[in-house]
Amino acid sequence: MIKTLRNFWEAIIGFLTKPIYESDTVHLTVGTLITIVVVIAAINVLLKIIKKVVNSRLAEEDKNKFVSIFGFARYLFYILAIITILHASGLNLTVFLTASAALFVGLGFALQYLFQDIISGILIILDQSLHVGDVVEIEGKVGKVTEINLRTTRAVTRDDKVLVIPNHKFLIETIYNHTQNHNTTLEKVTVGVAYGSDVHLVSKLLLDIVCSQKGINKKQKPVVLFDNFGDSALIFSVVYTTMDSFTDNRIKSELRYRIYEAFQQSNIVIPFPQRTVHLAHPNLLNTDV
């Protein structure tokens, strides 16, 4: 029985070590080909498990975005596995790798931002730090996110223009997400009134106007702040919360209209900057040097 098992094992070893191609440095056997097939099968199983784990954390609309990534990773691992196995079999790949080094370096420089965008897109989707519908501010522009892709994020600005943001900007620049914590945001409108104005009346008018404005969250009471003593005016600001910061510019515009009309009716002056110029006496200008 033991002899039979030994003969069977020797037959298997002999089959696996049967040479397919031999030279002074290269020794390819049947076992090498079987190893390549087994490794490729293992890579497929491993990637399927990773894909299942990743997809379990993603929304349905995000799952299709990773199809190309997993396809690219599969072929990359195939190439690396085959090169490693052939190199272990004695195949000299130095000439091939040296000839390809310059090409790889050139491609690396050309595609560095592309890879940064893709990696950043993967992190954004996996981390769920940004969602469709979020209102973001970047480089002074405010937009509502409409689509998150692996390379770029698209947002619609307040003037209905499409803002295409490379995903790497979310990692290297400061981005304001107005709706990251909750849907409501704090906003304010600032106005100056002339010195000598009734400041209590100013506060009352501002509160009445804001409390009756549509689009403002009434659960959180607006607050009037006496900001500063300006050069030409007393500076007030009224702070309120809104459920839609993306369209808040329209609310602010309406508030300014109503504030201006209310101040006119109450004889409250909104001053403009003024400068006092003092002229020297004419006799002083005619003095001899």
Protein backbone atom coordinates (compact mmCIF):
# COMPACT_ATOMS: atom_id res chain seq x y z
CA MET A 1 0.00 0.00 0.00
CA ILE A 2 2.79 2.38 0.98
CA LYS A 3 4.71 1.45 -2.14
CA THR A 4 1.66 2.16 -4.28
CA LEU A 5 1.19 5.61 -2.69
CA ARG A 6 4.88 6.32 -3.18
CA ASN A 7 4.69 5.38 -6.83
CA PHE A 8 1.59 7.52 -7.27
CA TRP A 9 3.28 10.50 -5.60
CA GLU A 10 6.39 10.08 -7.72
CA ALA A 11 4.20 9.96 -10.82
CA ILE A 12 2.55 13.24 -9.84
CA ILE A 13 5.93 14.87 -9.12
CA GLY A 14 7.23 13.60 -12.42
CA PHE A 15 4.23 15.01 -14.26
CA LEU A 16 4.53 18.41 -12.56
CA THR A 17 8.26 18.63 -13.22
CA LYS A 18 7.95 17.52 -16.83
CA PRO A 19 9.72 20.20 -18.85
CA ILE A 20 7.84 22.17 -21.48
CA TYR A 21 10.72 24.42 -22.41
CA GLU A 22 14.29 24.32 -21.16
CA SER A 23 17.41 26.37 -21.72
CA ASP A 24 20.46 27.32 -19.72
CA THR A 25 18.46 29.76 -17.59
CA VAL A 26 14.80 28.99 -18.25
CA HIS A 27 13.01 25.93 -16.93
CA LEU A 28 9.28 25.89 -17.68
CA THR A 29 7.34 22.86 -16.51
CA VAL A 30 3.77 21.63 -16.36
CA GLY A 31 3.78 22.65 -12.71
CA THR A 32 4.54 26.24 -13.74
CA LEU A 33 1.45 26.38 -15.96
CA ILE A 34 -0.72 24.77 -13.26
CA THR A 35 0.61 27.29 -10.72
CA ILE A 36 -0.36 30.16 -13.02
CA VAL A 37 -3.87 28.74 -13.45
CA VAL A 38 -4.31 28.21 -9.67
CA VAL A 39 -3.05 31.71 -8.83
CA ILE A 40 -5.36 33.31 -11.39
CA ALA A 41 -8.30 31.34 -9.97
CA ALA A 42 -7.35 32.44 -6.44
CA ILE A 43 -7.17 36.08 -7.58
CA ASN A 44 -10.66 35.79 -9.06
CA VAL A 45 -12.07 34.36 -5.81
CA LEU A 46 -10.32 37.01 -3.70
CA LEU A 47 -11.54 39.89 -5.87
CA LYS A 48 -15.11 38.54 -5.78
CA ILE A 49 -14.99 38.50 -1.98
CA ILE A 50 -13.60 42.04 -1.86
CA LYS A 51 -16.19 43.21 -4.38
CA LYS A 52 -19.00 41.68 -2.31
CA VAL A 53 -17.75 43.37 0.87
CA VAL A 54 -17.37 46.75 -0.87
CA ASN A 55 -20.77 46.56 -2.57
CA SER A 56 -22.45 45.78 0.75
CA ARG A 57 -21.45 49.27 1.97
CA LEU A 58 -22.50 51.14 -1.16
CA ALA A 59 -25.76 52.53 -2.42
CA GLU A 60 -27.21 50.88 -5.50
CA GLU A 61 -26.25 53.77 -7.79
CA ASP A 62 -22.59 53.58 -6.65
CA LYS A 63 -22.05 49.87 -7.29
CA ASN A 64 -21.73 50.19 -11.06
CA LYS A 65 -18.95 52.76 -10.63
CA PHE A 66 -16.59 50.08 -9.32
CA VAL A 67 -17.04 47.62 -12.19
CA SER A 68 -14.22 49.16 -14.22
CA ILE A 69 -11.99 49.41 -11.14
CA PHE A 70 -12.33 45.71 -10.35
CA GLY A 71 -11.78 44.84 -14.01
CA PHE A 72 -8.58 46.88 -14.09
CA ALA A 73 -7.39 45.36 -10.78
CA ARG A 74 -8.06 41.84 -12.05
CA TYR A 75 -5.86 42.22 -15.13
CA LEU A 76 -3.16 44.02 -13.14
CA PHE A 77 -2.96 41.15 -10.64
CA TYR A 78 -2.93 38.65 -13.50
CA ILE A 79 0.11 40.34 -15.05
CA LEU A 80 1.96 40.63 -11.73
CA ALA A 81 1.27 36.98 -10.84
CA ILE A 82 2.42 35.69 -14.24
CA ILE A 83 5.59 37.81 -14.18
CA THR A 84 6.41 36.59 -10.64
CA ILE A 85 5.89 32.93 -11.49
CA LEU A 86 7.87 33.14 -14.73
CA HIS A 87 10.69 34.95 -12.95
CA ALA A 88 10.76 32.20 -10.29
CA SER A 89 11.01 29.66 -13.14
CA GLY A 90 14.24 31.27 -14.34
CA LEU A 91 12.90 33.45 -17.15
CA ASN A 92 15.04 36.60 -17.33
CA LEU A 93 12.64 39.57 -17.46
CA THR A 94 15.30 42.22 -16.85
CA VAL A 95 15.53 43.23 -20.50
CA PHE A 96 11.76 43.58 -20.79
CA LEU A 97 11.42 45.58 -17.56
CA THR A 98 14.34 47.85 -18.46
CA ALA A 99 12.88 48.60 -21.88
CA SER A 100 9.50 49.35 -20.33
CA ALA A 101 10.81 51.50 -17.48
CA ALA A 102 11.00 54.72 -19.51
CA LEU A 103 7.50 54.12 -20.85
CA PHE A 104 6.11 53.48 -17.36
CA VAL A 105 7.78 56.62 -15.98
CA GLY A 106 6.32 58.74 -18.81
CA LEU A 107 2.87 57.27 -18.32
CA GLY A 108 3.17 57.81 -14.56
CA PHE A 109 3.81 61.53 -14.96
CA ALA A 110 1.08 61.88 -17.57
CA LEU A 111 -1.52 59.99 -15.58
CA GLN A 112 -0.66 61.10 -12.03
CA TYR A 113 -3.67 63.43 -11.73
CA LEU A 114 -5.93 60.78 -13.25
CA PHE A 115 -4.85 58.27 -10.60
CA GLN A 116 -5.22 60.90 -7.87
CA ASP A 117 -8.77 61.63 -9.03
CA ILE A 118 -9.70 57.94 -9.17
CA ILE A 119 -8.23 57.15 -5.75
CA SER A 120 -9.94 60.23 -4.28
CA GLY A 121 -13.23 59.18 -5.90
CA ILE A 122 -12.95 55.71 -4.35
CA LEU A 123 -12.28 57.22 -0.91
CA ILE A 124 -15.21 59.64 -1.25
CA ILE A 125 -17.62 56.84 -2.17
CA LEU A 126 -16.36 54.40 0.47
CA ASP A 127 -16.11 57.03 3.23
CA GLN A 128 -19.52 58.51 2.35
CA SER A 129 -18.13 61.97 3.13
CA LEU A 130 -20.02 63.47 0.20
CA HIS A 131 -23.51 62.65 -1.05
CA VAL A 132 -25.68 63.60 -3.99
CA GLY A 133 -27.73 66.61 -2.92
CA ASP A 134 -25.05 68.09 -0.64
CA VAL A 135 -24.41 71.82 -1.03
CA VAL A 136 -20.67 72.49 -1.28
CA GLU A 137 -18.57 75.61 -1.66
CA ILE A 138 -15.23 75.51 -3.47
CA GLU A 139 -13.13 78.43 -4.65
CA GLY A 140 -15.96 80.83 -3.79
CA LYS A 141 -18.53 78.92 -5.88
CA VAL A 142 -21.56 77.23 -4.34
CA GLY A 143 -23.11 74.20 -6.00
CA LYS A 144 -25.46 71.30 -5.29
CA VAL A 145 -23.89 67.89 -5.98
CA THR A 146 -25.74 66.01 -8.71
CA GLU A 147 -23.33 63.19 -9.53
CA ILE A 148 -20.26 61.55 -7.94
CA ASN A 149 -18.05 59.62 -10.35
CA LEU A 150 -14.69 57.96 -9.86
CA ARG A 151 -12.78 60.82 -11.53
CA THR A 152 -14.97 63.90 -11.13
CA THR A 153 -17.87 65.24 -9.09
CA ARG A 154 -20.53 67.33 -10.80
CA ALA A 155 -22.52 70.10 -9.14
CA VAL A 156 -25.04 72.67 -10.36
CA THR A 157 -24.34 76.25 -9.32
CA ARG A 158 -26.94 78.82 -8.28
CA ASP A 159 -26.91 80.30 -11.78
CA ASP A 160 -27.66 76.85 -13.27
CA LYS A 161 -24.16 76.14 -14.55
CA VAL A 162 -22.47 72.75 -14.23
CA LEU A 163 -19.40 72.74 -11.98
CA VAL A 164 -17.03 69.83 -12.76
CA ILE A 165 -14.72 69.23 -9.77
CA PRO A 166 -11.73 66.85 -10.05
CA ASN A 167 -11.97 64.53 -7.07
CA HIS A 168 -8.40 65.15 -5.88
CA LYS A 169 -9.44 68.70 -4.94
CA PHE A 170 -11.51 67.25 -2.09
CA LEU A 171 -8.25 65.96 -0.56
CA ILE A 172 -5.89 68.90 -1.14
CA GLU A 173 -8.21 71.91 -0.77
CA THR A 174 -10.60 73.21 1.85
CA ILE A 175 -14.15 72.39 0.82
CA TYR A 176 -17.16 73.73 2.70
CA ASN A 177 -20.03 71.26 2.90
CA HIS A 178 -23.06 73.30 3.95
CA THR A 179 -25.20 70.24 4.59
CA GLN A 180 -22.67 67.76 6.06
CA ASN A 181 -24.02 67.92 9.63
CA HIS A 182 -27.71 68.67 8.97
CA ASN A 183 -30.03 70.22 6.42
CA THR A 184 -30.34 73.60 8.14
CA THR A 185 -27.64 76.26 7.86
CA LEU A 186 -27.05 79.56 9.62
CA GLU A 187 -27.18 82.60 7.35
CA LYS A 188 -27.17 86.35 7.95
CA VAL A 189 -27.97 89.66 6.31
CA THR A 190 -25.94 92.73 7.29
CA VAL A 191 -27.13 96.34 7.11
CA GLY A 192 -25.78 99.70 8.31
CA VAL A 193 -27.89 102.53 9.78
CA ALA A 194 -26.97 106.13 10.41
CA TYR A 195 -25.58 107.27 13.75
CA GLY A 196 -28.41 108.57 15.92
CA SER A 197 -30.91 105.95 14.73
CA ASP A 198 -33.17 104.19 17.23
CA VAL A 199 -31.24 100.93 17.61
CA HIS A 200 -34.12 99.17 19.40
CA LEU A 201 -36.47 100.01 16.54
CA VAL A 202 -33.88 98.72 14.07
CA SER A 203 -33.69 95.41 15.95
CA LYS A 204 -37.49 95.09 16.11
CA LEU A 205 -37.91 95.77 12.38
CA LEU A 206 -35.24 93.26 11.44
CA LEU A 207 -36.78 90.54 13.62
CA ASP A 208 -40.31 91.19 12.31
CA ILE A 209 -39.14 91.05 8.70
CA VAL A 210 -37.16 87.83 9.10
CA CYS A 211 -39.85 86.05 11.15
CA SER A 212 -42.43 86.69 8.42
CA GLN A 213 -40.14 85.65 5.55
CA LYS A 214 -40.93 82.41 3.68
CA GLY A 215 -38.18 79.80 3.50
CA ILE A 216 -36.81 80.54 6.97
CA ASN A 217 -36.89 77.93 9.72
CA LYS A 218 -39.30 79.26 12.34
CA LYS A 219 -38.32 76.65 14.97
CA GLN A 220 -35.07 78.46 15.63
CA LYS A 221 -35.71 82.10 16.50
CA PRO A 222 -33.70 84.66 14.48
CA VAL A 223 -31.21 86.83 16.36
CA VAL A 224 -30.19 90.46 15.73
CA LEU A 225 -26.56 91.35 16.47
CA PHE A 226 -25.08 94.81 16.89
CA ASP A 227 -21.86 94.02 15.03
CA ASN A 228 -19.79 97.17 15.15
CA PHE A 229 -19.45 100.94 15.07
CA GLY A 230 -18.54 101.55 11.45
CA ASP A 231 -16.88 104.58 9.90
CA SER A 232 -20.18 105.89 8.57
CA ALA A 233 -22.83 103.62 10.09
CA LEU A 234 -23.90 101.39 12.94
CA ILE A 235 -23.56 97.82 11.65
CA PHE A 236 -26.32 95.30 12.41
CA SER A 237 -26.79 91.74 11.21
CA VAL A 238 -29.79 89.46 11.53
CA VAL A 239 -28.95 85.75 11.84
CA TYR A 240 -31.45 83.06 10.86
CA THR A 241 -31.61 79.41 9.80
CA THR A 242 -32.81 78.09 6.48
CA MET A 243 -33.66 74.62 5.22
CA ASP A 244 -32.24 75.27 1.76
CA SER A 245 -28.90 77.07 1.71
CA PHE A 246 -28.62 76.50 -2.05
CA THR A 247 -31.41 79.01 -2.78
CA ASP A 248 -30.64 81.27 0.16
CA ASN A 249 -29.38 84.05 -2.13
CA ARG A 250 -33.00 84.61 -3.20
CA ILE A 251 -34.12 84.78 0.43
CA LYS A 252 -31.40 87.31 1.20
CA SER A 253 -32.41 89.40 -1.79
CA GLU A 254 -36.05 89.45 -0.66
CA LEU A 255 -35.00 90.36 2.87
CA ARG A 256 -32.94 93.29 1.63
CA TYR A 257 -35.91 94.60 -0.39
CA ARG A 258 -38.16 94.44 2.65
CA ILE A 259 -35.54 95.92 5.01
CA TYR A 260 -35.02 98.89 2.69
CA GLU A 261 -38.77 99.54 2.42
CA ALA A 262 -39.33 99.18 6.19
CA PHE A 263 -36.46 101.53 7.02
CA GLN A 264 -37.77 104.15 4.57
CA GLN A 265 -41.24 104.01 6.18
CA SER A 266 -39.69 104.37 9.66
CA ASN A 267 -37.30 107.18 8.59
CA ILE A 268 -34.24 105.08 9.35
CA VAL A 269 -31.37 106.15 7.11
CA ILE A 270 -29.03 103.66 5.49
CA PRO A 271 -25.96 105.87 5.01
CA PHE A 272 -23.32 105.68 2.34
CA PRO A 273 -19.60 106.20 3.06
CA GLN A 274 -18.70 109.86 3.55
CA ARG A 275 -15.41 111.72 3.88
CA THR A 276 -14.84 115.20 5.30
CA VAL A 277 -12.17 117.23 3.49
CA HIS A 278 -10.55 120.17 5.33
CA LEU A 279 -9.05 122.87 3.09
CA ALA A 280 -6.27 125.18 4.25
CA HIS A 281 -6.92 128.97 4.50
CA PRO A 282 -6.34 130.73 1.13
CA ASN A 283 -3.75 133.05 2.67
CA LEU A 284 -1.65 130.09 3.67
CA LEU A 285 -1.49 128.92 0.06
CA ASN A 286 0.16 132.17 -1.13
CA THR A 287 3.10 132.14 1.25
CA ASP A 288 6.52 132.62 -0.35
CA VAL A 289 8.99 129.82 -0.20
